[in-house]
Amino acid sequence: MTMTRLQYFRYQKLRIGYRTWGDRSKPPLVLLHGFTGTSLGWKSLADVWTSHFWVVAPDLPGHGASKAPPVPEELSVAKTAEALTHLMSFLSAQPWLLLGYSFGGRIACHMMRNTPVELQCVVLESASPGIDDPKERALRRQQDMVLADKIEAHGLDWFIRYWRSLPLFASQATLSEPRRQSLENERRAHSAWGLAQSLRGAGTGTQESLWPALSTIKVPVLMVTGAEDTKYRHIARAMHEALPESQWVSVNGAGHNVHLEKPDQFDQIVSRFFSEQNYL
C-alpha cells in the first residue's frame, strides 16, 4: 500500500510531520515510534494493517521531519500528546485506535488519560507511565540532561554508537542485515540538536507520573513486552494490575523492540486484540 507524502500540522510551537497509509474511510490507527525512531519505522506493519485501518504515523517532536523548538518544555510529553490529539481532530479522524512504542508509549499513556471519548483502544509496547518516585525521577532527569549535553557536544555518530550499545538493545544483535540497516537509517534521519532537545523536554525524568491515574482509565489496553526485557516486563505487570481493562502479552525471544525483532508475532498479537475490540 502506497503511503502519502510527508505532510505537516502545526499546533502552538510544534510543527509535526506525519505520513498516512491506506483508505481514510477506514478506522484510523495512530502509530507512535520510540526515541531515535521515525514514522517510516512502521512502514512494513502499516502496509499490513491498511487492509483494515487508515494508518497515521507522525514523526515525534525532535525526530525526523518534526524539528525541535528552541524551548525544551514546548515538546514535553504532555504538550506532544495534546498536539497529536488536535492532529486527529484536524484530520476528522475519530474515533481512533492508538499504538505507542517506548517513548511513543509514554505519549500514548497521556493521550489515553486525556482523551477517553475519542480513543477506542490502546496498545502499549515496552512503555511506561513515568517514574512515580520523586527522587528517582529527579535523578533520571539529571541523567537525561547530561546525556543531552553529550549528544550536542559529540554529535550524532557518537550518540548512535552509544545508543545501540545499551544493554536494552542487546537482543537486536540477531536482526538480519536489512533490518539492522533500516534501523541505522532511521537513527541517522535525526539531528543531534533534535534528540538532545527531546531528552531535555520529554525525557522520562521530566514526565509527570501517571501511575496514580491508571486505575481511572477505562479504555481497553494491551501491553506487549519482550521476554528478554526484564525492566519493562516488570513495568507491564504492574500496569496490568492497575489498569481496569488491560491485557499483557510477553513475547519469547524478543527484547525491547518487539515489533522489529518479532514482527509476525507482534502483528498476530495486536491483530487479535483489535479483533476482540470488533475492529477486525
Protein backbone atom coordinates (compact mmCIF):
# COMPACT_ATOMS: atom_id res chain seq x y z
CA MET A 1 0.00 0.00 0.00
CA THR A 2 1.41 3.38 -1.01
CA MET A 3 1.82 5.91 1.73
CA THR A 4 1.15 9.61 1.29
CA ARG A 5 3.88 12.18 1.01
CA LEU A 6 5.10 13.80 4.19
CA GLN A 7 2.58 16.35 5.45
CA TYR A 8 2.74 18.88 8.27
CA PHE A 9 0.49 20.01 11.10
CA ARG A 10 1.20 22.99 13.33
CA TYR A 11 -0.05 23.26 16.90
CA GLN A 12 1.24 26.09 19.09
CA LYS A 13 5.07 25.85 18.96
CA LEU A 14 5.16 22.39 17.38
CA ARG A 15 5.33 21.62 13.65
CA ILE A 16 4.72 17.91 13.28
CA GLY A 17 5.48 15.95 10.14
CA TYR A 18 3.28 12.90 9.56
CA ARG A 19 2.57 10.20 6.99
CA THR A 20 -0.56 8.19 6.29
CA TRP A 21 -1.23 4.84 4.66
CA GLY A 22 -4.39 3.42 3.16
CA ASP A 23 -8.02 4.43 2.80
CA ARG A 24 -9.15 7.23 5.11
CA SER A 25 -12.71 5.86 5.14
CA LYS A 26 -11.43 3.04 7.39
CA PRO A 27 -10.95 3.34 11.18
CA PRO A 28 -7.88 5.48 12.00
CA LEU A 29 -4.93 3.80 13.70
CA VAL A 30 -2.22 6.10 15.12
CA LEU A 31 1.33 4.71 15.44
CA LEU A 32 3.88 6.43 17.69
CA HIS A 33 7.56 5.49 17.33
CA GLY A 34 10.23 5.32 20.02
CA PHE A 35 13.19 7.57 20.81
CA THR A 36 15.52 7.77 17.76
CA GLY A 37 12.72 6.37 15.53
CA THR A 38 10.59 7.94 12.79
CA SER A 39 7.23 7.31 11.17
CA LEU A 40 8.98 5.26 8.47
CA GLY A 41 9.89 2.65 11.05
CA TRP A 42 6.27 1.48 10.93
CA LYS A 43 6.14 1.03 7.16
CA SER A 44 6.13 -2.78 6.99
CA LEU A 45 3.41 -3.14 9.64
CA ALA A 46 1.46 -0.18 8.25
CA ASP A 47 1.40 -1.89 4.85
CA VAL A 48 -0.20 -4.93 6.51
CA TRP A 49 -2.68 -3.03 8.66
CA THR A 50 -4.03 -0.87 5.83
CA SER A 51 -6.33 -3.75 4.91
CA HIS A 52 -8.40 -2.73 7.94
CA PHE A 53 -7.20 0.74 9.02
CA TRP A 54 -6.24 4.18 7.83
CA VAL A 55 -2.78 4.44 9.40
CA VAL A 56 -1.47 7.78 10.68
CA ALA A 57 2.16 7.94 11.83
CA PRO A 58 3.82 11.19 12.97
CA ASP A 59 7.48 11.98 13.46
CA LEU A 60 7.51 12.91 17.15
CA PRO A 61 8.95 16.33 18.03
CA GLY A 62 12.74 16.42 17.79
CA HIS A 63 12.71 13.44 15.43
CA GLY A 64 12.90 13.21 11.64
CA ALA A 65 10.83 15.88 9.95
CA SER A 66 9.42 17.28 13.22
CA LYS A 67 12.07 19.79 14.21
CA ALA A 68 12.58 20.62 17.88
CA PRO A 69 11.54 24.08 19.11
CA PRO A 70 14.18 26.15 20.94
CA VAL A 71 12.44 25.84 24.33
CA PRO A 72 12.53 22.20 25.54
CA GLU A 73 9.30 22.49 27.53
CA GLU A 74 7.41 23.06 24.26
CA LEU A 75 7.98 19.43 23.24
CA SER A 76 7.10 17.85 26.57
CA VAL A 77 5.22 14.57 26.64
CA ALA A 78 2.04 16.34 27.75
CA LYS A 79 2.23 19.02 25.02
CA THR A 80 3.01 16.41 22.36
CA ALA A 81 0.04 14.32 23.46
CA GLU A 82 -2.17 17.41 23.24
CA ALA A 83 -0.82 18.29 19.78
CA LEU A 84 -1.43 14.77 18.43
CA THR A 85 -4.98 14.75 19.74
CA HIS A 86 -5.55 18.01 17.87
CA LEU A 87 -3.95 16.48 14.77
CA MET A 88 -6.59 13.74 14.80
CA SER A 89 -9.34 16.33 15.16
CA PHE A 90 -7.82 18.29 12.27
CA LEU A 91 -7.89 15.11 10.16
CA SER A 92 -11.52 14.48 11.21
CA ALA A 93 -10.30 11.04 12.26
CA GLN A 94 -12.50 9.99 15.15
CA PRO A 95 -12.91 7.64 16.87
CA TRP A 96 -9.42 6.15 16.62
CA LEU A 97 -7.07 3.46 17.85
CA LEU A 98 -3.59 4.08 19.22
CA LEU A 99 -0.32 2.14 19.37
CA GLY A 100 2.79 3.54 21.05
CA TYR A 101 6.25 2.03 21.37
CA SER A 102 8.62 3.01 24.23
CA PHE A 103 8.85 6.84 24.07
CA GLY A 104 5.72 6.80 21.90
CA GLY A 105 4.08 4.62 24.54
CA ARG A 106 4.73 7.26 27.19
CA ILE A 107 2.96 9.78 24.99
CA ALA A 108 0.15 7.27 24.41
CA CYS A 109 -0.32 6.99 28.19
CA HIS A 110 -1.04 10.73 28.35
CA MET A 111 -3.40 10.52 25.40
CA MET A 112 -5.42 7.67 26.87
CA ARG A 113 -5.76 9.57 30.14
CA ASN A 114 -6.82 12.81 28.48
CA THR A 115 -8.99 11.65 25.55
CA PRO A 116 -11.06 8.63 26.63
CA VAL A 117 -14.00 9.56 24.39
CA GLU A 118 -12.05 9.62 21.13
CA LEU A 119 -9.88 6.60 21.88
CA GLN A 120 -11.33 3.14 21.30
CA CYS A 121 -8.35 1.07 22.46
CA VAL A 122 -4.61 1.37 23.06
CA VAL A 123 -1.59 -0.86 22.51
CA LEU A 124 1.47 -0.09 24.63
CA GLU A 125 4.70 -1.76 23.52
CA SER A 126 7.53 -1.65 26.06
CA ALA A 127 6.05 1.50 27.59
CA SER A 128 5.97 3.23 30.96
CA PRO A 129 3.59 5.74 32.59
CA GLY A 130 6.58 7.55 34.07
CA ILE A 131 8.59 7.31 37.27
CA ASP A 132 6.49 7.51 40.42
CA ASP A 133 9.23 8.08 42.99
CA PRO A 134 10.19 11.80 43.05
CA LYS A 135 13.86 11.12 43.94
CA GLU A 136 14.22 8.55 41.16
CA ARG A 137 12.51 10.90 38.72
CA ALA A 138 14.86 13.77 39.65
CA LEU A 139 17.89 11.50 39.22
CA ARG A 140 16.66 10.36 35.81
CA ARG A 141 16.07 13.95 34.77
CA GLN A 142 19.65 14.81 35.71
CA GLN A 143 20.93 11.83 33.71
CA ASP A 144 18.86 12.85 30.69
CA MET A 145 20.24 16.40 30.83
CA VAL A 146 23.82 15.11 30.97
CA LEU A 147 23.21 12.81 28.01
CA ALA A 148 21.57 15.64 26.05
CA ASP A 149 24.65 17.81 26.55
CA LYS A 150 26.90 14.94 25.42
CA ILE A 151 24.84 14.42 22.26
CA GLU A 152 25.33 18.06 21.31
CA ALA A 153 29.00 18.02 22.24
CA HIS A 154 29.97 14.76 20.50
CA GLY A 155 27.46 14.62 17.63
CA LEU A 156 25.05 12.14 16.09
CA ASP A 157 27.62 9.47 15.14
CA TRP A 158 28.85 9.25 18.72
CA PHE A 159 25.32 9.01 20.06
CA ILE A 160 24.23 6.30 17.63
CA ARG A 161 27.21 4.16 18.68
CA TYR A 162 26.38 4.79 22.34
CA TRP A 163 22.65 4.12 21.92
CA ARG A 164 22.95 0.83 20.07
CA SER A 165 25.47 -0.43 22.68
CA LEU A 166 22.98 -0.16 25.54
CA PRO A 167 22.00 -3.49 27.17
CA LEU A 168 18.35 -2.61 26.47
CA PHE A 169 19.00 -3.26 22.76
CA ALA A 170 21.35 -6.26 23.05
CA SER A 171 18.74 -8.59 21.54
CA GLN A 172 18.86 -6.58 18.29
CA ALA A 173 22.25 -8.14 17.52
CA THR A 174 20.35 -11.06 15.97
CA LEU A 175 18.49 -8.88 13.46
CA SER A 176 19.02 -9.54 9.76
CA GLU A 177 21.34 -7.19 7.91
CA PRO A 178 18.46 -5.43 6.05
CA ARG A 179 16.64 -4.76 9.32
CA ARG A 180 19.79 -3.51 11.03
CA GLN A 181 20.44 -1.19 8.09
CA SER A 182 16.86 0.09 8.16
CA LEU A 183 17.20 0.83 11.87
CA GLU A 184 20.51 2.60 11.27
CA ASN A 185 18.94 4.73 8.53
CA GLU A 186 16.14 5.75 10.88
CA ARG A 187 18.58 6.82 13.56
CA ARG A 188 20.55 8.86 11.03
CA ALA A 189 17.44 10.78 9.99
CA HIS A 190 17.85 12.98 13.06
CA SER A 191 19.97 15.87 14.22
CA ALA A 192 21.97 15.89 17.44
CA TRP A 193 20.11 19.06 18.43
CA GLY A 194 16.69 17.49 17.95
CA LEU A 195 17.44 14.39 20.01
CA ALA A 196 19.06 16.47 22.74
CA GLN A 197 16.01 18.73 22.93
CA SER A 198 13.72 15.71 23.04
CA LEU A 199 15.61 14.37 26.04
CA ARG A 200 15.50 17.75 27.78
CA GLY A 201 11.82 18.33 27.21
CA ALA A 202 10.31 14.85 27.02
CA GLY A 203 12.71 12.51 28.81
CA THR A 204 11.32 10.13 31.39
CA GLY A 205 12.72 12.32 34.16
CA THR A 206 10.65 15.33 33.07
CA GLN A 207 7.42 13.39 32.55
CA GLU A 208 4.59 13.59 35.04
CA SER A 209 3.99 10.21 36.69
CA LEU A 210 0.69 8.74 35.53
CA TRP A 211 0.76 5.75 37.89
CA PRO A 212 -1.93 7.30 40.17
CA ALA A 213 -4.22 7.83 37.17
CA LEU A 214 -4.10 4.27 35.78
CA SER A 215 -6.98 2.97 37.89
CA THR A 216 -9.29 5.63 36.41
CA ILE A 217 -8.60 4.74 32.76
CA LYS A 218 -11.44 2.76 31.19
CA VAL A 219 -10.05 2.35 27.67
CA PRO A 220 -9.12 -1.26 26.73
CA VAL A 221 -5.34 -1.54 26.80
CA LEU A 222 -2.99 -4.23 25.51
CA MET A 223 0.60 -4.26 26.75
CA VAL A 224 3.27 -6.12 24.77
CA THR A 225 6.79 -6.69 26.06
CA GLY A 226 9.74 -8.88 25.12
CA ALA A 227 10.57 -11.72 27.49
CA GLU A 228 14.22 -10.64 27.44
CA ASP A 229 13.37 -7.08 28.52
CA THR A 230 13.27 -7.56 32.30
CA LYS A 231 12.74 -3.91 33.21
CA TYR A 232 9.71 -3.38 31.00
CA ARG A 233 8.24 -6.79 31.86
CA HIS A 234 8.08 -5.65 35.48
CA ILE A 235 6.56 -2.33 34.49
CA ALA A 236 3.94 -4.03 32.29
CA ARG A 237 2.99 -6.43 35.09
CA ALA A 238 2.43 -3.52 37.48
CA MET A 239 0.44 -1.60 34.86
CA HIS A 240 -1.67 -4.67 34.12
CA GLU A 241 -2.58 -4.89 37.80
CA ALA A 242 -3.50 -1.19 37.93
CA LEU A 243 -5.43 -0.78 34.65
CA PRO A 244 -9.07 -1.96 34.87
CA GLU A 245 -9.37 -3.13 31.25
CA SER A 246 -5.96 -4.46 30.30
CA GLN A 247 -4.17 -7.44 28.83
CA TRP A 248 -0.47 -8.22 28.83
CA VAL A 249 1.50 -10.46 26.47
CA SER A 250 5.20 -11.30 26.82
CA VAL A 251 6.92 -12.45 23.61
CA ASN A 252 9.65 -15.08 23.89
CA GLY A 253 12.92 -14.36 22.13
CA ALA A 254 12.30 -10.61 21.95
CA GLY A 255 13.82 -7.66 23.75
CA HIS A 256 12.68 -4.05 23.96
CA ASN A 257 11.58 -3.57 20.33
CA VAL A 258 9.16 -6.44 19.79
CA HIS A 259 7.67 -5.15 16.54
CA LEU A 260 11.13 -5.01 14.97
CA GLU A 261 12.52 -8.25 16.37
CA LYS A 262 9.39 -10.41 16.05
CA PRO A 263 7.14 -8.61 13.52
CA ASP A 264 4.93 -11.58 12.64
CA GLN A 265 4.21 -12.43 16.26
CA PHE A 266 3.64 -8.78 17.07
CA ASP A 267 1.15 -8.49 14.21
CA GLN A 268 -0.71 -11.60 15.38
CA ILE A 269 -0.94 -10.40 18.98
CA VAL A 270 -2.07 -6.89 18.11
CA SER A 271 -4.49 -8.09 15.42
CA ARG A 272 -6.11 -10.49 17.88
CA PHE A 273 -6.59 -7.61 20.32
CA PHE A 274 -8.10 -5.40 17.61
CA SER A 275 -10.40 -8.27 16.65
CA GLU A 276 -11.60 -8.53 20.25
CA GLN A 277 -12.47 -4.83 20.05
CA ASN A 278 -14.51 -5.61 16.89
CA TYR A 279 -12.12 -3.82 14.51
CA LEU A 280 -11.06 -6.87 12.50
